[in-house]
C-alpha atoms as a PDB file:
ATOM      1  CA  MET A   1       5.431  13.703   0.747  1.00  0.00           C
ATOM      2  CA  LEU A   2       9.289  13.416   1.418  1.00  0.00           C
ATOM      3  CA  ARG A   3      10.781  11.092   3.573  1.00  0.00           C
ATOM      4  CA  ASP A   4      14.195  10.788   6.214  1.00  0.00           C
ATOM      5  CA  PRO A   5      16.377   8.371   3.894  1.00  0.00           C
ATOM      6  CA  SER A   6      18.422   7.450   7.163  1.00  0.00           C
ATOM      7  CA  HIS A   7      15.018   5.774   8.655  1.00  0.00           C
ATOM      8  CA  PHE A   8      14.431   2.627   6.946  1.00  0.00           C
ATOM      9  CA  GLU A   9      11.804  -0.604   8.514  1.00  0.00           C
ATOM     10  CA  VAL A  10      13.617  -3.738   9.188  1.00  0.00           C
ATOM     11  CA  VAL A  11      11.914  -6.570   8.556  1.00  0.00           C
ATOM     12  CA  ASP A  12      11.825  -8.841  11.640  1.00  0.00           C
ATOM     13  CA  GLU A  13      14.390 -12.723  11.399  1.00  0.00           C
ATOM     14  CA  ALA A  14      12.014 -14.711  12.495  1.00  0.00           C
ATOM     15  CA  MET A  15       9.468 -12.751   9.879  1.00  0.00           C
ATOM     16  CA  ALA A  16      12.757 -13.020   7.334  1.00  0.00           C
ATOM     17  CA  ASP A  17      12.766 -17.114   7.638  1.00  0.00           C
ATOM     18  CA  VAL A  18       8.801 -17.424   7.470  1.00  0.00           C
ATOM     19  CA  LEU A  19       9.878 -15.720   3.862  1.00  0.00           C
ATOM     20  CA  ARG A  20      12.367 -17.281   2.754  1.00  0.00           C
ATOM     21  CA  GLN A  21      10.499 -20.311   3.301  1.00  0.00           C
ATOM     22  CA  LYS A  22       8.327 -18.912   0.516  1.00  0.00           C
ATOM     23  CA  THR A  23       7.962 -19.607  -3.316  1.00  0.00           C
ATOM     24  CA  GLU A  24       8.602 -16.694  -5.465  1.00  0.00           C
ATOM     25  CA  SER A  25       5.210 -16.976  -6.184  1.00  0.00           C
ATOM     26  CA  GLU A  26       3.518 -16.996  -2.799  1.00  0.00           C
ATOM     27  CA  ARG A  27       5.623 -14.163  -1.784  1.00  0.00           C
ATOM     28  CA  LEU A  28       4.475 -12.362  -4.503  1.00  0.00           C
ATOM     29  CA  ALA A  29       0.626 -13.184  -3.901  1.00  0.00           C
ATOM     30  CA  ILE A  30       1.744 -11.748  -0.393  1.00  0.00           C
ATOM     31  CA  ALA A  31       3.101  -8.445  -1.259  1.00  0.00           C
ATOM     32  CA  PHE A  32       0.059  -7.959  -4.032  1.00  0.00           C
ATOM     33  CA  ARG A  33      -2.669  -8.743  -1.077  1.00  0.00           C
ATOM     34  CA  MET A  34      -0.562  -6.571   1.462  1.00  0.00           C
ATOM     35  CA  TRP A  35      -0.988  -3.520  -0.871  1.00  0.00           C
ATOM     36  CA  ALA A  36      -4.606  -4.190  -2.546  1.00  0.00           C
ATOM     37  CA  PHE A  37      -5.741  -3.838   1.017  1.00  0.00           C
ATOM     38  CA  ALA A  38      -3.941  -0.500   1.756  1.00  0.00           C
ATOM     39  CA  ARG A  39      -5.477   0.117  -1.448  1.00  0.00           C
ATOM     40  CA  ASP A  40      -8.516  -0.513   0.167  1.00  0.00           C
ATOM     41  CA  MET A  41      -8.206   1.640   3.082  1.00  0.00           C
ATOM     42  CA  ILE A  42      -7.479   4.461   1.368  1.00  0.00           C
ATOM     43  CA  ASP A  43     -10.625   4.215  -0.982  1.00  0.00           C
ATOM     44  CA  ARG A  44     -12.846   3.278   2.169  1.00  0.00           C
ATOM     45  CA  GLN A  45     -11.067   7.120   4.067  1.00  0.00           C
ATOM     46  CA  VAL A  46     -11.007   8.713   0.573  1.00  0.00           C
ATOM     47  CA  ARG A  47     -14.627   7.761   0.129  1.00  0.00           C
ATOM     48  CA  SER A  48     -15.701   8.842   3.787  1.00  0.00           C
ATOM     49  CA  GLU A  49     -13.679  12.241   3.768  1.00  0.00           C
ATOM     50  CA  CYS A  50     -15.290  13.646   0.575  1.00  0.00           C
ATOM     51  CA  PRO A  51     -18.814  11.984   0.128  1.00  0.00           C
ATOM     52  CA  GLY A  52     -20.188  12.742  -3.857  1.00  0.00           C
ATOM     53  CA  LEU A  53     -16.683  12.708  -4.757  1.00  0.00           C
ATOM     54  CA  PRO A  54     -17.422  11.189  -8.781  1.00  0.00           C
ATOM     55  CA  GLU A  55     -15.437   7.898  -8.914  1.00  0.00           C
ATOM     56  CA  SER A  56     -12.954   8.848 -11.525  1.00  0.00           C
ATOM     57  CA  ASP A  57     -11.859  11.553  -8.567  1.00  0.00           C
ATOM     58  CA  ILE A  58     -12.077   8.892  -5.873  1.00  0.00           C
ATOM     59  CA  ARG A  59      -9.818   6.653  -8.227  1.00  0.00           C
ATOM     60  CA  ARG A  60      -7.334   9.970  -9.000  1.00  0.00           C
ATOM     61  CA  LEU A  61      -6.954  10.756  -5.400  1.00  0.00           C
ATOM     62  CA  VAL A  62      -6.615   7.123  -4.473  1.00  0.00           C
ATOM     63  CA  ALA A  63      -3.555   6.482  -6.776  1.00  0.00           C
ATOM     64  CA  ARG A  64      -1.904   9.943  -6.047  1.00  0.00           C
ATOM     65  CA  ARG A  65      -1.722   8.630  -1.883  1.00  0.00           C
ATOM     66  CA  MET A  66      -0.286   4.913  -2.846  1.00  0.00           C
ATOM     67  CA  SER A  67       1.991   6.458  -5.321  1.00  0.00           C
ATOM     68  CA  HIS A  68       2.976   9.153  -2.291  1.00  0.00           C
ATOM     69  CA  GLY A  69       1.575  11.922  -4.654  1.00  0.00           C
ATOM     70  CA  ALA A  70       4.034  11.258  -7.474  1.00  0.00           C
ATOM     71  CA  CYS A  71       0.785  11.403  -9.978  1.00  0.00           C
END
């Protein structure tokens, strides 16, 4: 999926202040949990859209959606 390069998200200043107070490890842990949450949501969506799909195909579809079709 192509994205408009002129459109980007900006972190709210209050949220940026909260993140600045976190250690590198804490910020990495937050990012990993967000990634895992997104992966789990996409996994559930694929399973509901394609019941009976083999596990290997589910993993492949989830990876493709997580990588914006790059894999």
